[in-house]
Amino acid sequence: MSGWIKIHRKITDWEWYNDINTFRLFMHLILKANHKARNYRGVNIELGCLMTGRDLLSKETGLSIQQIRTCLERLKSTNEITIKTTKQGTIIQVLNYKKYQVSTNEITTEQPQSNQQVTINKNLKKEKEVMLDKWIQYRAEIKKPLKQTTINNLLKDFESYSDSCVTFVVNNSISNGWQGLFWDKYVETKQLVKSIEQLQYENVMRQLEANK
């Protein structure tokens, strides 16, 4: 098994974060879940699902069967997972799986993006990474989460503009409660600042002339 998962720092606010066993099991389920649908012994295992059992999970995680049972119930109670029993085994689905994983195929088809985590391109500078993360988080908070294709397009935009431009546009949209990024606002603001600076310069020159 290869690939990666993406975990936002906000997971430290998650109600089970300080429950070591539950957190450990949940991370294990995310890592073991299918990153794409596949068939197993005649059963279709969907994206974000895995076929397993309490005995196997106990062996893989080092937790006791009773601990596994308790942790699964906790995760079910807060809608982190669903559990379905079949003749072939137990299918556990990690709800909202796409928050944690993007398939390798989905990433590579969006070249020139490469090895993205929260789809952040390696070529992005630190400031742009921070701004992209800030925008993704903001959109999630206003219940308008960004789709993967939208984030990929944002990467191209971010690479095209300077750090100062990206920072201004993201902060400007957030402060105004907008759902989109408006790059022309940066140009308009720069032109306004330039006009003000020109007026200030002209006023200074007039005063100098008057004082001669």
Protein backbone atom coordinates (compact mmCIF):
# COMPACT_ATOMS: atom_id res chain seq x y z
CA MET A 1 0.00 0.00 0.00
CA SER A 2 1.34 3.42 -1.01
CA GLY A 3 0.19 7.01 -0.97
CA TRP A 4 -0.58 9.47 1.78
CA ILE A 5 -3.39 10.97 3.81
CA LYS A 6 -3.98 14.59 4.66
CA ILE A 7 -4.76 15.66 8.21
CA HIS A 8 -5.58 19.25 9.11
CA ARG A 9 -4.27 20.68 12.39
CA LYS A 10 -7.87 21.30 13.42
CA ILE A 11 -8.11 17.59 14.19
CA THR A 12 -6.65 18.53 17.58
CA ASP A 13 -10.10 20.02 18.30
CA TRP A 14 -11.80 16.72 17.46
CA GLU A 15 -13.68 15.23 20.42
CA TRP A 16 -11.80 11.90 20.21
CA TYR A 17 -8.35 13.40 19.71
CA ASN A 18 -7.33 12.88 23.36
CA ASP A 19 -8.77 9.37 23.43
CA ILE A 20 -5.61 7.53 22.40
CA ASN A 21 -7.28 4.25 21.46
CA THR A 22 -10.11 5.81 19.47
CA PHE A 23 -7.78 8.20 17.69
CA ARG A 24 -5.37 5.38 16.89
CA LEU A 25 -8.10 3.18 15.48
CA PHE A 26 -9.58 5.99 13.41
CA MET A 27 -6.21 6.81 11.85
CA HIS A 28 -5.74 3.11 11.13
CA LEU A 29 -9.13 2.93 9.38
CA ILE A 30 -8.29 5.97 7.24
CA LEU A 31 -4.96 4.43 6.25
CA LYS A 32 -6.47 1.04 5.43
CA ALA A 33 -9.59 2.26 3.60
CA ASN A 34 -9.74 1.95 -0.18
CA HIS A 35 -8.56 5.03 -2.06
CA LYS A 36 -10.65 3.75 -4.98
CA ALA A 37 -13.48 1.24 -5.31
CA ARG A 38 -12.57 -2.42 -5.90
CA ASN A 39 -14.11 -5.87 -5.70
CA TYR A 40 -13.17 -8.40 -3.04
CA ARG A 41 -14.57 -11.92 -3.18
CA GLY A 42 -17.61 -10.79 -5.09
CA VAL A 43 -18.27 -7.76 -2.88
CA ASN A 44 -17.81 -4.21 -4.13
CA ILE A 45 -15.76 -2.26 -1.57
CA GLU A 46 -16.37 1.43 -2.22
CA LEU A 47 -14.01 4.37 -1.88
CA GLY A 48 -13.33 5.04 1.81
CA CYS A 49 -14.38 1.53 2.87
CA LEU A 50 -12.51 -1.55 4.05
CA MET A 51 -13.48 -5.12 4.78
CA THR A 52 -12.17 -6.21 8.15
CA GLY A 53 -13.17 -7.63 11.53
CA ARG A 54 -12.56 -6.98 15.20
CA ASP A 55 -9.99 -9.79 15.46
CA LEU A 56 -8.03 -8.45 12.51
CA LEU A 57 -8.19 -4.85 13.74
CA SER A 58 -6.98 -6.02 17.15
CA LYS A 59 -4.02 -7.76 15.56
CA GLU A 60 -3.16 -4.79 13.32
CA THR A 61 -3.42 -2.09 16.00
CA GLY A 62 -2.38 -3.92 19.16
CA LEU A 63 -5.66 -2.98 20.85
CA SER A 64 -7.73 -5.62 22.60
CA ILE A 65 -10.95 -6.85 20.98
CA GLN A 66 -12.94 -5.12 23.73
CA GLN A 67 -11.06 -1.87 23.07
CA ILE A 68 -11.76 -2.23 19.34
CA ARG A 69 -15.46 -2.77 20.05
CA THR A 70 -15.61 0.30 22.31
CA CYS A 71 -13.74 2.52 19.86
CA LEU A 72 -15.92 1.46 16.93
CA GLU A 73 -19.04 2.30 18.92
CA ARG A 74 -17.62 5.72 19.78
CA LEU A 75 -16.79 6.45 16.14
CA LYS A 76 -20.26 5.32 15.08
CA SER A 77 -21.93 7.50 17.70
CA THR A 78 -20.37 10.66 16.25
CA ASN A 79 -20.91 9.66 12.61
CA GLU A 80 -17.25 9.15 11.77
CA ILE A 81 -17.91 5.66 10.38
CA THR A 82 -20.66 3.24 9.43
CA ILE A 83 -20.46 -0.53 9.90
CA LYS A 84 -22.15 -3.11 7.69
CA THR A 85 -21.99 -6.86 8.26
CA THR A 86 -21.89 -9.22 5.25
CA LYS A 87 -21.27 -12.95 4.79
CA GLN A 88 -17.73 -12.19 3.66
CA GLY A 89 -16.89 -9.89 6.57
CA THR A 90 -17.54 -6.50 8.13
CA ILE A 91 -17.41 -3.44 5.89
CA ILE A 92 -16.46 -0.22 7.63
CA GLN A 93 -16.96 3.06 5.80
CA VAL A 94 -15.05 6.18 6.81
CA LEU A 95 -17.54 8.99 6.30
CA ASN A 96 -16.20 12.14 4.63
CA TYR A 97 -13.22 10.07 3.48
CA LYS A 98 -12.33 12.55 0.75
CA LYS A 99 -11.38 15.03 3.46
CA TYR A 100 -8.44 12.78 4.29
CA GLN A 101 -7.39 11.24 0.96
CA VAL A 102 -7.07 11.98 -2.73
CA SER A 103 -6.40 9.10 -5.09
CA THR A 104 -3.05 8.97 -6.89
CA ASN A 105 -4.80 8.89 -10.26
CA GLU A 106 -6.76 12.03 -9.46
CA ILE A 107 -3.56 13.86 -8.57
CA THR A 108 -1.45 12.80 -11.54
CA THR A 109 -4.14 13.70 -14.08
CA GLU A 110 -3.97 17.28 -12.91
CA GLN A 111 -0.34 17.91 -13.95
CA PRO A 112 1.73 20.03 -13.45
CA GLN A 113 0.56 19.51 -9.87
CA SER A 114 2.60 16.78 -8.17
CA ASN A 115 2.45 14.91 -4.86
CA GLN A 116 -0.11 17.28 -3.41
CA GLN A 117 -1.09 17.40 0.24
CA VAL A 118 -4.26 19.40 0.58
CA THR A 119 -3.24 19.74 -3.08
CA ILE A 120 -0.41 22.16 -2.33
CA ASN A 121 2.15 22.25 -5.13
CA LYS A 122 5.80 21.90 -4.13
CA ASN A 123 6.60 25.06 -6.08
CA LEU A 124 4.34 27.20 -3.95
CA LYS A 125 6.22 29.40 -1.55
CA LYS A 126 5.50 29.30 2.17
CA GLU A 127 3.27 32.37 2.15
CA LYS A 128 1.13 31.00 -0.66
CA GLU A 129 0.77 27.67 1.15
CA VAL A 130 -0.51 29.51 4.20
CA MET A 131 -2.96 31.53 2.12
CA LEU A 132 -4.26 28.47 0.26
CA ASP A 133 -4.80 26.64 3.53
CA LYS A 134 -6.50 29.73 4.97
CA TRP A 135 -8.86 29.98 1.98
CA ILE A 136 -9.74 26.26 2.06
CA GLN A 137 -10.49 26.51 5.77
CA TYR A 138 -12.56 29.68 5.32
CA ARG A 139 -14.69 28.08 2.59
CA ALA A 140 -15.28 25.06 4.81
CA GLU A 141 -16.31 27.29 7.72
CA ILE A 142 -18.95 29.09 5.62
CA LYS A 143 -20.30 25.71 4.49
CA LYS A 144 -19.01 26.17 0.95
CA PRO A 145 -16.17 23.60 0.78
CA LEU A 146 -13.97 23.68 -2.29
CA LYS A 147 -13.99 20.80 -4.75
CA GLN A 148 -10.71 19.17 -5.73
CA THR A 149 -10.86 20.58 -9.28
CA THR A 150 -11.36 24.07 -7.89
CA ILE A 151 -8.34 23.72 -5.62
CA ASN A 152 -6.27 22.53 -8.57
CA ASN A 153 -7.29 25.62 -10.54
CA LEU A 154 -6.44 27.82 -7.55
CA LEU A 155 -2.94 26.35 -7.54
CA LYS A 156 -2.40 27.62 -11.07
CA ASP A 157 -3.68 31.06 -10.09
CA PHE A 158 -1.49 31.21 -7.00
CA GLU A 159 1.59 30.32 -9.04
CA SER A 160 0.82 33.14 -11.48
CA TYR A 161 0.70 35.91 -8.89
CA SER A 162 3.16 37.32 -6.39
CA ASP A 163 3.06 36.52 -2.68
CA SER A 164 1.78 40.00 -1.87
CA CYS A 165 -0.99 39.70 -4.44
CA VAL A 166 -2.15 36.29 -3.18
CA THR A 167 -2.08 37.48 0.43
CA PHE A 168 -4.05 40.63 -0.35
CA VAL A 169 -6.71 38.89 -2.47
CA VAL A 170 -7.32 36.06 0.03
CA ASN A 171 -7.50 38.37 3.05
CA ASN A 172 -9.67 40.87 1.15
CA SER A 173 -12.21 38.21 0.17
CA ILE A 174 -12.35 36.78 3.69
CA SER A 175 -12.75 40.19 5.35
CA ASN A 176 -15.60 41.04 2.97
CA GLY A 177 -17.29 37.66 3.37
CA TRP A 178 -16.96 36.85 -0.33
CA GLN A 179 -17.10 33.30 -1.70
CA GLY A 180 -14.64 33.95 -4.53
CA LEU A 181 -11.19 35.43 -5.10
CA PHE A 182 -11.07 38.62 -7.16
CA TRP A 183 -7.60 39.23 -8.52
CA ASP A 184 -8.58 42.52 -10.20
CA LYS A 185 -9.12 44.03 -6.74
CA TYR A 186 -5.36 43.87 -6.19
CA VAL A 187 -4.69 45.76 -9.40
CA GLU A 188 -7.34 48.35 -8.56
CA THR A 189 -5.88 48.82 -5.07
CA LYS A 190 -2.34 49.18 -6.42
CA GLN A 191 -3.52 51.76 -8.93
CA LEU A 192 -5.33 53.65 -6.18
CA VAL A 193 -2.25 53.60 -3.95
CA LYS A 194 -0.11 54.75 -6.86
CA SER A 195 -2.52 57.61 -7.58
CA ILE A 196 -2.48 58.67 -3.92
CA GLU A 197 1.32 58.52 -3.83
CA GLN A 198 1.47 60.61 -7.02
CA LEU A 199 -0.85 63.22 -5.53
CA GLN A 200 1.20 63.31 -2.34
CA TYR A 201 4.36 63.75 -4.39
CA GLU A 202 2.82 66.56 -6.42
CA ASN A 203 1.62 68.32 -3.25
CA VAL A 204 5.12 68.11 -1.75
CA MET A 205 6.63 69.54 -4.94
CA ARG A 206 4.11 72.42 -4.95
CA GLN A 207 5.00 73.24 -1.33
CA LEU A 208 8.69 73.20 -2.16
CA GLU A 209 8.09 75.51 -5.09
CA ALA A 210 6.01 77.84 -2.95
CA ASN A 211 8.74 78.04 -0.30
CA LYS A 212 11.45 79.06 -2.75
